[in-house]
Amino acid sequence: MHGPIRMPGRWFDELATGGGSVEAVGFLAQAERSRRLLLIGELLSRLEERPALLGPVDLGAGWRTVERAEARKPGCAEELLLSPQVGSWLAHTLRRLHGTAVGPPLWVDTGHLAAVALVAALRAGTAADLVVPAREGAVSLPTLGLARLPGAPLPGFQPVRARVREGELHLAPTVRGTGATALTVRPLTAPQSAVWWPTHRLPVGPDGPEVALDDTDPYRDLDRPIPPRRLTPRELGSWQRLFAEAVALLDAGRAPAPAAASGSDAAPASGPDPATGSGSSRPGTLRPEEIRRIVPWPGRLPNGPVEGLSASTADAFGSMVVAEPPNGAALAETMVHEFQHSKLGALLHLFAMLDDDRAEEHYAPWRPDPRHLPGLLHGAYAFVGVAGFWRDRIGDRAADPLDLAPFRFALRRIQTRTVLRTLATRAALTGPGRRLVGGLTRTVDGWLREPVDGRRQEAPQPRKEDNARR
């Protein structure tokens, strides 16, 4: 038997400031692990009860493949199961089984478990013989990429035979006469080709971790499955440049901030310990290696461009959907913003913050439309991070050549304080909810006592993204 998950109070309080140490964020990741394993158990139980939901896919063969991979290379399969790609698929599929989501034929969603098993075998170097679903002749391998059968594409959704031997994947159609032919590829090492689209990787640093830039996984959107949309070479190069710029800015911002101006009552900000990387990080800082995946915004809106838009889901911790930003500072700000949503989403999986949503809608200063109370809570937490991000860049002309940081900091702190007042007076907060709102309020009240040059608070031209986020 496993005991309940208990978060040390000091880590909750760190997160309630809007920041959070390596240890506090790591606790959230471990809590997400427990939740993910529970959801996997629920899915397997439902499929065992109703194996017909899998169509031609064999549940027993798929899960035995995962178990063999984990036995051969401990931690390999678990890491895969905790990936954003698997998290989004798992949540979508369970919603399908509960009747609250729509998608392709149900066996395609449930049968994606076999594709997860294939990746586990490839990573561990074990063997597998499975049937997997193909979409228009393409088989998605979560975290690795997309394999396309050569020849005429298979129409619609079709089962494909898959065999893995020593890191080599062989795919073959199960229906003859379609024009599609077999494919053999080594997904861990094969370069991009017409039949193999590997997942793009964005390096955080030399010989360090990498962030997936995912343009192929069908479950990379917030819920509904979507087709692949491969980045062009120009788009890929732009994302690589922007990400490198964003990482440089975020790494520079992890140094301790200057002392507050004379007369300020704000608590001193603390940065990570340079030797261990631990310590309580102040709001607005982000360790780029905590991001797991960035999804380029997959398409266009019917009423205009998507520049400035971003979104995330609590189903995929550390993942975010982002429209290509104009510069590295905009991407860094967006990464901070969306990771704040990830942290709060994980906290909400552990603690109820509102006793009653009350179906009320209130003024949200960063949006043109009113927001319900859970949305206000998410917005307040995200924009505490954004305000802290711009606070750290006041006077940094390399990061802020137009000297807009003072205005953006001043704007976001007063907007966030307005929403925190609404939450404190209108929301039916639980004990943890009061503790969270109180912590955020102390952070912002300290910032409001910091002087900002009035001449530098004049409003610049509004950016399109000012009203695009939660």
Protein backbone atom coordinates (compact mmCIF):
# COMPACT_ATOMS: atom_id res chain seq x y z
CA MET A 1 0.00 0.00 0.00
CA HIS A 2 1.18 3.50 -0.80
CA GLY A 3 0.62 6.31 1.69
CA PRO A 4 -0.91 9.68 0.83
CA ILE A 5 1.20 12.31 -0.89
CA ARG A 6 2.20 14.99 1.62
CA MET A 7 3.85 18.21 0.47
CA PRO A 8 6.12 19.90 3.02
CA GLY A 9 4.62 23.25 3.97
CA ARG A 10 7.77 25.17 3.07
CA TRP A 11 7.56 23.95 -0.53
CA PHE A 12 3.91 24.95 -0.80
CA ASP A 13 4.82 28.40 0.52
CA GLU A 14 7.66 28.71 -2.00
CA LEU A 15 5.23 27.94 -4.82
CA ALA A 16 2.66 30.31 -3.31
CA THR A 17 5.05 33.22 -3.85
CA GLY A 18 4.87 32.48 -7.58
CA GLY A 19 8.38 31.01 -7.59
CA GLY A 20 9.61 27.66 -6.32
CA SER A 21 12.88 25.83 -5.71
CA VAL A 22 14.19 22.84 -7.63
CA GLU A 23 12.92 20.68 -4.77
CA ALA A 24 9.43 22.21 -4.74
CA VAL A 25 8.98 21.88 -8.50
CA GLY A 26 10.48 18.40 -8.35
CA PHE A 27 7.84 17.44 -5.79
CA LEU A 28 5.15 18.57 -8.24
CA ALA A 29 6.72 16.40 -10.93
CA GLN A 30 6.71 13.38 -8.60
CA ALA A 31 3.09 14.01 -7.71
CA GLU A 32 2.28 14.11 -11.42
CA ARG A 33 4.04 10.75 -11.72
CA SER A 34 1.70 9.24 -9.14
CA ARG A 35 -1.33 10.71 -10.86
CA ARG A 36 -0.18 9.50 -14.27
CA LEU A 37 0.31 5.94 -13.00
CA LEU A 38 -3.17 5.98 -11.47
CA LEU A 39 -4.67 7.09 -14.79
CA ILE A 40 -2.77 4.39 -16.66
CA GLY A 41 -4.13 1.85 -14.21
CA GLU A 42 -7.65 3.12 -14.81
CA LEU A 43 -7.22 2.88 -18.58
CA LEU A 44 -5.86 -0.66 -18.41
CA SER A 45 -8.72 -1.75 -16.13
CA ARG A 46 -11.32 -0.38 -18.51
CA LEU A 47 -9.70 -2.01 -21.52
CA GLU A 48 -9.41 -5.33 -19.70
CA GLU A 49 -13.14 -5.16 -18.99
CA ARG A 50 -13.98 -4.28 -22.60
CA PRO A 51 -11.19 -5.51 -24.91
CA ALA A 52 -13.39 -4.89 -27.96
CA LEU A 53 -12.65 -1.18 -27.48
CA LEU A 54 -9.15 -1.87 -28.84
CA GLY A 55 -10.33 -3.29 -32.14
CA PRO A 56 -7.44 -5.24 -33.72
CA VAL A 57 -4.93 -4.13 -31.07
CA ASP A 58 -3.91 -6.69 -28.43
CA LEU A 59 -3.86 -5.18 -24.93
CA GLY A 60 -1.90 -8.05 -23.35
CA ALA A 61 0.82 -8.03 -26.01
CA GLY A 62 1.19 -4.26 -25.75
CA TRP A 63 1.50 -4.10 -21.97
CA ARG A 64 3.84 -7.10 -21.83
CA THR A 65 6.06 -5.20 -24.27
CA VAL A 66 6.15 -2.24 -21.87
CA GLU A 67 6.98 -4.51 -18.93
CA ARG A 68 9.82 -6.23 -20.80
CA ALA A 69 11.28 -2.87 -21.74
CA GLU A 70 11.18 -1.62 -18.16
CA ALA A 71 12.77 -4.86 -16.92
CA ARG A 72 15.61 -4.59 -19.46
CA LYS A 73 16.24 -0.89 -18.89
CA PRO A 74 14.75 0.28 -15.59
CA GLY A 75 13.25 3.75 -15.75
CA CYS A 76 13.03 3.74 -19.53
CA ALA A 77 9.33 2.90 -19.85
CA GLU A 78 8.39 4.99 -16.84
CA GLU A 79 10.07 8.06 -18.33
CA LEU A 80 8.08 7.52 -21.51
CA LEU A 81 4.80 7.11 -19.60
CA LEU A 82 5.47 10.42 -17.83
CA SER A 83 6.13 12.33 -21.06
CA PRO A 84 3.74 15.11 -22.17
CA GLN A 85 2.97 13.09 -25.32
CA VAL A 86 1.66 10.17 -23.28
CA GLY A 87 -0.06 12.45 -20.76
CA SER A 88 -2.10 14.21 -23.41
CA TRP A 89 -3.04 10.93 -25.13
CA LEU A 90 -3.99 9.27 -21.85
CA ALA A 91 -6.24 12.11 -20.71
CA HIS A 92 -7.93 12.36 -24.11
CA THR A 93 -8.56 8.61 -24.27
CA LEU A 94 -10.05 8.49 -20.80
CA ARG A 95 -12.35 11.36 -21.75
CA ARG A 96 -13.39 9.37 -24.80
CA LEU A 97 -14.26 6.43 -22.56
CA HIS A 98 -16.24 8.75 -20.29
CA GLY A 99 -18.06 10.22 -23.28
CA THR A 100 -16.78 13.77 -22.79
CA ALA A 101 -14.49 14.04 -25.83
CA VAL A 102 -14.65 13.19 -29.51
CA GLY A 103 -12.08 11.93 -31.98
CA PRO A 104 -11.32 9.26 -34.56
CA PRO A 105 -12.72 5.71 -34.30
CA LEU A 106 -12.31 4.79 -30.66
CA TRP A 107 -9.92 1.89 -31.36
CA VAL A 108 -7.46 4.40 -32.86
CA ASP A 109 -7.27 6.33 -29.59
CA THR A 110 -7.20 3.27 -27.31
CA GLY A 111 -4.87 1.39 -29.68
CA HIS A 112 -2.28 4.16 -29.45
CA LEU A 113 -1.16 2.22 -26.38
CA ALA A 114 0.58 -0.13 -28.84
CA ALA A 115 2.56 2.79 -30.28
CA VAL A 116 3.66 3.70 -26.75
CA ALA A 117 4.77 0.08 -26.27
CA LEU A 118 6.77 0.21 -29.52
CA VAL A 119 8.68 3.25 -28.28
CA ALA A 120 9.40 1.51 -24.97
CA ALA A 121 10.86 -1.46 -26.88
CA LEU A 122 12.94 0.80 -29.11
CA ARG A 123 14.34 2.69 -26.14
CA ALA A 124 15.18 -0.47 -24.19
CA GLY A 125 16.44 -2.56 -27.11
CA THR A 126 13.83 -5.28 -26.58
CA ALA A 127 11.70 -7.07 -29.18
CA ALA A 128 8.06 -6.39 -30.02
CA ASP A 129 5.43 -7.71 -32.44
CA LEU A 130 2.27 -5.61 -32.35
CA VAL A 131 -0.59 -4.17 -34.38
CA VAL A 132 -0.72 -0.37 -34.22
CA PRO A 133 -3.13 2.21 -35.68
CA ALA A 134 -2.02 4.25 -38.70
CA ARG A 135 -3.53 7.59 -39.70
CA GLU A 136 -3.41 8.08 -43.47
CA GLY A 137 -0.55 5.58 -43.54
CA ALA A 138 1.46 7.28 -40.77
CA VAL A 139 2.31 5.76 -37.39
CA SER A 140 3.05 8.18 -34.57
CA LEU A 141 5.78 7.10 -32.15
CA PRO A 142 5.38 9.32 -29.06
CA THR A 143 8.56 11.30 -28.21
CA LEU A 144 10.38 9.90 -31.28
CA GLY A 145 8.56 11.03 -34.41
CA LEU A 146 6.32 9.91 -37.28
CA ALA A 147 6.87 6.97 -39.66
CA ARG A 148 5.07 6.93 -43.02
CA LEU A 149 4.54 3.82 -45.09
CA PRO A 150 5.92 4.37 -48.63
CA GLY A 151 3.70 4.22 -51.69
CA ALA A 152 0.07 5.27 -51.88
CA PRO A 153 -1.14 6.42 -48.46
CA LEU A 154 -3.52 4.12 -46.65
CA PRO A 155 -6.97 5.72 -46.55
CA GLY A 156 -8.33 6.86 -43.21
CA PHE A 157 -7.46 4.77 -40.17
CA GLN A 158 -5.93 1.34 -40.72
CA PRO A 159 -4.14 -1.27 -38.57
CA VAL A 160 -0.44 -1.78 -39.37
CA ARG A 161 1.83 -4.63 -38.30
CA ALA A 162 4.89 -3.48 -36.38
CA ARG A 163 7.99 -5.43 -35.44
CA VAL A 164 10.95 -4.20 -33.38
CA ARG A 165 14.30 -5.97 -33.27
CA GLU A 166 17.43 -4.41 -31.71
CA GLY A 167 16.33 -0.83 -32.33
CA GLU A 168 15.05 -1.44 -35.85
CA LEU A 169 11.36 -0.90 -36.64
CA HIS A 170 9.59 -2.71 -39.47
CA LEU A 171 6.07 -1.58 -40.47
CA ALA A 172 3.85 -3.35 -43.00
CA PRO A 173 0.23 -2.84 -44.08
CA THR A 174 -2.27 -5.51 -43.04
CA VAL A 175 -4.44 -4.97 -46.14
CA ARG A 176 -3.10 -5.92 -49.56
CA GLY A 177 -3.70 -4.02 -52.77
CA THR A 178 -3.68 -0.54 -51.24
CA GLY A 179 -0.42 0.59 -52.86
CA ALA A 180 1.31 1.08 -49.51
CA THR A 181 4.52 -0.86 -48.99
CA ALA A 182 6.59 -1.91 -45.98
CA LEU A 183 9.04 0.36 -44.18
CA THR A 184 12.17 -0.37 -42.16
CA VAL A 185 13.73 2.44 -40.10
CA ARG A 186 15.87 2.91 -36.99
CA PRO A 187 13.92 5.66 -35.17
CA LEU A 188 16.58 6.40 -32.56
CA THR A 189 19.23 7.34 -35.11
CA ALA A 190 17.67 7.75 -38.58
CA PRO A 191 17.86 11.22 -40.16
CA GLN A 192 14.79 12.95 -41.53
CA SER A 193 13.47 11.60 -44.82
CA ALA A 194 10.23 11.37 -46.76
CA VAL A 195 9.20 8.38 -44.65
CA TRP A 196 10.63 9.34 -41.26
CA TRP A 197 10.05 12.63 -39.44
CA PRO A 198 12.00 12.61 -36.16
CA THR A 199 10.89 14.87 -33.33
CA HIS A 200 12.88 18.10 -33.38
CA ARG A 201 15.11 18.75 -30.36
CA LEU A 202 16.05 22.12 -28.87
CA PRO A 203 19.24 21.92 -26.75
CA VAL A 204 19.14 23.74 -23.43
CA GLY A 205 22.92 23.83 -23.34
CA PRO A 206 26.02 22.00 -24.54
CA ASP A 207 25.73 18.31 -23.68
CA GLY A 208 22.69 19.14 -21.56
CA PRO A 209 18.98 18.31 -21.62
CA GLU A 210 16.84 18.93 -24.68
CA VAL A 211 13.30 20.23 -25.16
CA ALA A 212 11.10 18.53 -27.74
CA LEU A 213 9.76 20.77 -30.51
CA ASP A 214 6.79 18.64 -31.46
CA ASP A 215 5.02 19.10 -34.79
CA THR A 216 3.88 15.51 -35.44
CA ASP A 217 2.26 13.90 -32.39
CA PRO A 218 -1.52 13.64 -32.90
CA TYR A 219 -2.15 14.47 -29.22
CA ARG A 220 0.01 17.57 -29.07
CA ASP A 221 -2.97 19.99 -29.01
CA LEU A 222 -4.92 20.75 -25.84
CA ASP A 223 -7.32 17.82 -26.31
CA ARG A 224 -8.55 16.84 -29.75
CA PRO A 225 -6.22 14.84 -32.01
CA ILE A 226 -4.83 16.84 -34.93
CA PRO A 227 -2.82 15.92 -38.05
CA PRO A 228 0.94 16.53 -38.31
CA ARG A 229 2.12 19.89 -39.59
CA ARG A 230 5.84 19.66 -40.30
CA LEU A 231 7.84 22.85 -39.81
CA THR A 232 9.59 24.18 -42.89
CA PRO A 233 13.40 24.53 -42.71
CA ARG A 234 12.96 28.29 -42.29
CA GLU A 235 10.46 27.83 -39.44
CA LEU A 236 12.67 25.27 -37.73
CA GLY A 237 15.70 27.54 -37.96
CA SER A 238 13.66 30.40 -36.51
CA TRP A 239 12.52 28.29 -33.55
CA GLN A 240 16.08 27.13 -32.89
CA ARG A 241 17.35 30.71 -32.87
CA LEU A 242 14.50 32.01 -30.71
CA PHE A 243 14.88 29.19 -28.20
CA ALA A 244 18.63 29.76 -27.87
CA GLU A 245 17.98 33.46 -27.24
CA ALA A 246 15.26 32.66 -24.69
CA VAL A 247 17.48 30.22 -22.81
CA ALA A 248 20.28 32.78 -22.63
CA LEU A 249 17.88 35.35 -21.17
CA LEU A 250 16.42 32.91 -18.66
CA ASP A 251 19.84 31.70 -17.56
CA ALA A 252 20.99 35.29 -17.09
CA GLY A 253 17.87 36.02 -15.05
CA ARG A 254 18.64 33.22 -12.59
CA ALA A 255 21.34 35.34 -10.92
CA PRO A 256 20.13 37.07 -7.73
CA ALA A 257 18.20 40.26 -8.49
CA PRO A 258 19.54 43.65 -7.35
CA ALA A 259 18.45 44.77 -3.90
CA ALA A 260 15.13 46.60 -3.82
CA ALA A 261 15.21 50.37 -3.95
CA SER A 262 15.63 52.30 -0.71
CA GLY A 263 12.40 52.48 1.23
CA SER A 264 10.93 49.33 -0.27
CA ASP A 265 9.47 46.79 2.13
CA ALA A 266 9.67 43.97 -0.38
CA ALA A 267 11.26 40.79 0.89
CA PRO A 268 14.69 40.20 -0.62
CA ALA A 269 14.63 37.85 -3.55
CA SER A 270 16.74 34.72 -3.37
CA GLY A 271 18.23 32.93 -6.33
CA PRO A 272 19.34 29.35 -6.84
CA ASP A 273 22.40 28.20 -5.03
CA PRO A 274 25.16 28.41 -7.69
CA ALA A 275 26.73 25.19 -6.49
CA THR A 276 23.64 22.98 -6.27
CA GLY A 277 21.05 24.74 -8.37
CA SER A 278 18.66 24.59 -5.42
CA GLY A 279 17.25 27.35 -3.30
CA SER A 280 14.05 29.33 -3.58
CA SER A 281 13.73 30.87 -7.04
CA ARG A 282 11.88 34.17 -7.18
CA PRO A 283 8.80 34.66 -9.35
CA GLY A 284 9.63 35.21 -13.00
CA THR A 285 12.65 32.93 -13.10
CA LEU A 286 12.58 29.62 -14.93
CA ARG A 287 15.03 26.77 -15.26
CA PRO A 288 14.69 26.02 -19.00
CA GLU A 289 15.40 22.33 -18.45
CA GLU A 290 12.06 22.06 -16.62
CA ILE A 291 10.25 22.57 -19.92
CA ARG A 292 9.52 19.20 -21.53
CA ARG A 293 7.94 20.15 -24.85
CA ILE A 294 7.03 23.14 -27.03
CA VAL A 295 4.34 22.69 -29.67
CA PRO A 296 4.31 25.27 -32.47
CA TRP A 297 0.75 26.61 -32.71
CA PRO A 298 -0.82 24.08 -35.12
CA GLY A 299 -2.64 26.27 -37.62
CA ARG A 300 -4.36 29.62 -37.90
CA LEU A 301 -7.36 31.18 -36.25
CA PRO A 302 -10.40 31.88 -38.46
CA ASN A 303 -10.42 35.58 -37.54
CA GLY A 304 -6.78 36.53 -37.80
CA PRO A 305 -3.14 35.71 -37.06
CA VAL A 306 -2.03 33.69 -34.06
CA GLU A 307 1.02 35.77 -33.10
CA GLY A 308 1.21 36.10 -29.33
CA LEU A 309 -1.04 33.15 -28.57
CA SER A 310 -0.02 30.41 -26.15
CA ALA A 311 -1.79 27.74 -24.12
CA SER A 312 -1.16 24.71 -21.95
CA THR A 313 -3.00 21.86 -20.29
CA ALA A 314 -2.63 20.24 -16.88
CA ASP A 315 -2.65 16.87 -18.65
CA ALA A 316 0.88 17.46 -19.95
CA PHE A 317 3.13 18.90 -17.24
CA GLY A 318 5.91 21.05 -18.68
CA SER A 319 4.37 21.27 -22.17
CA MET A 320 3.04 24.33 -23.98
CA VAL A 321 1.51 25.31 -27.31
CA VAL A 322 3.12 28.51 -28.60
CA ALA A 323 2.71 30.61 -31.73
CA GLU A 324 6.06 31.65 -33.18
CA PRO A 325 7.06 34.80 -31.25
CA PRO A 326 8.80 37.86 -32.70
CA ASN A 327 11.96 37.54 -30.59
CA GLY A 328 13.70 35.55 -27.89
CA ALA A 329 12.47 37.78 -25.06
CA ALA A 330 8.86 37.17 -26.10
CA LEU A 331 9.48 33.41 -26.13
CA ALA A 332 11.16 33.54 -22.72
CA GLU A 333 8.20 35.48 -21.30
CA THR A 334 5.80 32.93 -22.79
CA MET A 335 7.77 30.01 -21.38
CA VAL A 336 7.60 31.59 -17.91
CA HIS A 337 3.87 32.27 -18.34
CA GLU A 338 2.95 28.76 -19.45
CA PHE A 339 5.16 26.98 -16.93
CA GLN A 340 3.34 28.92 -14.22
CA HIS A 341 0.16 27.27 -15.52
CA SER A 342 1.90 23.88 -15.33
CA LYS A 343 2.90 24.45 -11.71
CA LEU A 344 -0.57 25.59 -10.70
CA GLY A 345 -2.18 22.74 -12.62
CA ALA A 346 -0.06 20.27 -10.66
CA LEU A 347 -0.93 22.02 -7.38
CA LEU A 348 -4.62 21.80 -8.25
CA HIS A 349 -4.22 18.05 -8.73
CA LEU A 350 -3.10 17.93 -5.08
CA PHE A 351 -5.22 20.62 -3.41
CA ALA A 352 -8.71 21.98 -3.99
CA MET A 353 -8.33 25.78 -3.98
CA LEU A 354 -12.00 26.75 -4.41
CA ASP A 355 -14.92 25.37 -2.40
CA ASP A 356 -17.40 26.56 -4.99
CA ASP A 357 -16.75 27.95 -8.46
CA ARG A 358 -20.12 29.76 -8.17
CA ALA A 359 -20.29 30.14 -11.96
CA GLU A 360 -19.47 33.81 -11.56
CA GLU A 361 -17.56 35.81 -14.13
CA HIS A 362 -15.38 38.77 -13.26
CA TYR A 363 -13.19 41.38 -14.88
CA ALA A 364 -9.89 39.99 -16.12
CA PRO A 365 -7.59 42.90 -17.04
CA TRP A 366 -5.47 40.90 -19.48
CA ARG A 367 -8.44 39.70 -21.54
CA PRO A 368 -11.32 41.37 -23.40
CA ASP A 369 -13.86 38.92 -21.92
CA PRO A 370 -14.79 38.21 -18.29
CA ARG A 371 -13.40 35.11 -16.60
CA HIS A 372 -14.71 32.59 -14.10
CA LEU A 373 -12.94 32.24 -10.75
CA PRO A 374 -10.74 29.23 -11.67
CA GLY A 375 -9.60 31.17 -14.73
CA LEU A 376 -8.80 34.20 -12.59
CA LEU A 377 -6.73 32.04 -10.26
CA HIS A 378 -4.77 30.62 -13.18
CA GLY A 379 -4.32 34.09 -14.66
CA ALA A 380 -3.11 35.58 -11.40
CA TYR A 381 -0.54 32.84 -10.94
CA ALA A 382 0.69 33.13 -14.52
CA PHE A 383 0.97 36.90 -14.51
CA VAL A 384 2.84 37.01 -11.21
CA GLY A 385 5.48 35.11 -13.17
CA VAL A 386 5.26 37.53 -16.09
CA ALA A 387 5.55 40.57 -13.81
CA GLY A 388 8.59 39.05 -12.13
CA PHE A 389 10.13 38.29 -15.52
CA TRP A 390 9.95 41.94 -16.60
CA ARG A 391 11.00 43.21 -13.16
CA ASP A 392 14.27 41.32 -13.57
CA ARG A 393 14.87 42.97 -16.94
CA ILE A 394 14.49 46.61 -15.95
CA GLY A 395 17.65 48.36 -17.12
CA ASP A 396 18.87 45.37 -19.14
CA ARG A 397 19.07 46.94 -22.58
CA ALA A 398 20.38 43.75 -24.15
CA ALA A 399 17.20 41.90 -23.16
CA ASP A 400 14.95 44.96 -23.47
CA PRO A 401 16.34 47.26 -26.16
CA LEU A 402 13.17 49.35 -26.34
CA ASP A 403 13.16 49.92 -22.56
CA LEU A 404 9.64 48.55 -22.16
CA ALA A 405 10.34 46.41 -19.09
CA PRO A 406 9.39 49.15 -16.54
CA PHE A 407 5.99 49.62 -18.16
CA ARG A 408 5.34 45.90 -18.49
CA PHE A 409 6.32 45.27 -14.89
CA ALA A 410 4.17 48.15 -13.61
CA LEU A 411 1.20 47.06 -15.74
CA ARG A 412 1.31 43.39 -14.83
CA ARG A 413 1.76 43.97 -11.09
CA ILE A 414 -1.31 46.24 -10.83
CA GLN A 415 -3.40 43.99 -13.07
CA THR A 416 -2.49 40.96 -10.98
CA ARG A 417 -3.18 42.77 -7.70
CA THR A 418 -6.65 43.69 -8.98
CA VAL A 419 -7.42 40.03 -9.68
CA LEU A 420 -5.99 38.88 -6.35
CA ARG A 421 -8.37 41.31 -4.61
CA THR A 422 -11.28 39.79 -6.53
CA LEU A 423 -10.21 36.30 -5.51
CA ALA A 424 -9.79 37.29 -1.87
CA THR A 425 -13.21 38.93 -1.67
CA ARG A 426 -15.38 36.95 -4.10
CA ALA A 427 -13.99 33.40 -4.24
CA ALA A 428 -14.94 30.68 -1.76
CA LEU A 429 -11.33 29.75 -1.08
CA THR A 430 -10.29 26.61 0.76
CA GLY A 431 -7.48 26.66 3.32
CA PRO A 432 -4.84 25.93 0.65
CA GLY A 433 -6.54 28.46 -1.63
CA ARG A 434 -6.28 31.21 1.00
CA ARG A 435 -2.65 30.29 1.59
CA LEU A 436 -1.91 30.49 -2.14
CA VAL A 437 -3.72 33.79 -2.72
CA GLY A 438 -2.11 35.21 0.40
CA GLY A 439 1.36 34.25 -0.79
CA LEU A 440 0.81 35.78 -4.22
CA THR A 441 -0.61 38.92 -2.62
CA ARG A 442 2.47 39.37 -0.44
CA THR A 443 4.68 39.05 -3.50
CA VAL A 444 2.74 41.66 -5.48
CA ASP A 445 2.29 44.03 -2.53
CA GLY A 446 6.05 44.03 -2.07
CA TRP A 447 6.49 44.89 -5.75
CA LEU A 448 3.93 47.71 -5.54
CA ARG A 449 6.15 49.41 -2.96
CA GLU A 450 9.07 49.41 -5.39
CA PRO A 451 9.46 52.72 -7.23
CA VAL A 452 9.44 52.63 -11.02
CA ASP A 453 10.45 55.70 -13.05
CA GLY A 454 7.17 57.35 -14.03
CA ARG A 455 8.54 58.43 -17.41
CA ARG A 456 9.20 54.79 -18.23
CA GLN A 457 5.64 53.70 -17.37
CA GLU A 458 4.03 55.45 -20.32
CA ALA A 459 2.04 52.98 -22.36
CA PRO A 460 3.75 51.76 -25.55
CA GLN A 461 1.79 50.43 -28.48
CA PRO A 462 -0.19 47.43 -27.19
CA ARG A 463 1.04 44.02 -28.27
CA LYS A 464 -1.32 41.53 -29.83
CA GLU A 465 -0.64 38.98 -27.10
CA ASP A 466 -1.79 41.31 -24.29
CA ASN A 467 -5.33 39.93 -24.66
CA ALA A 468 -4.49 36.49 -25.96
CA ARG A 469 -3.77 34.58 -22.79
CA ARG A 470 -5.66 33.37 -19.78
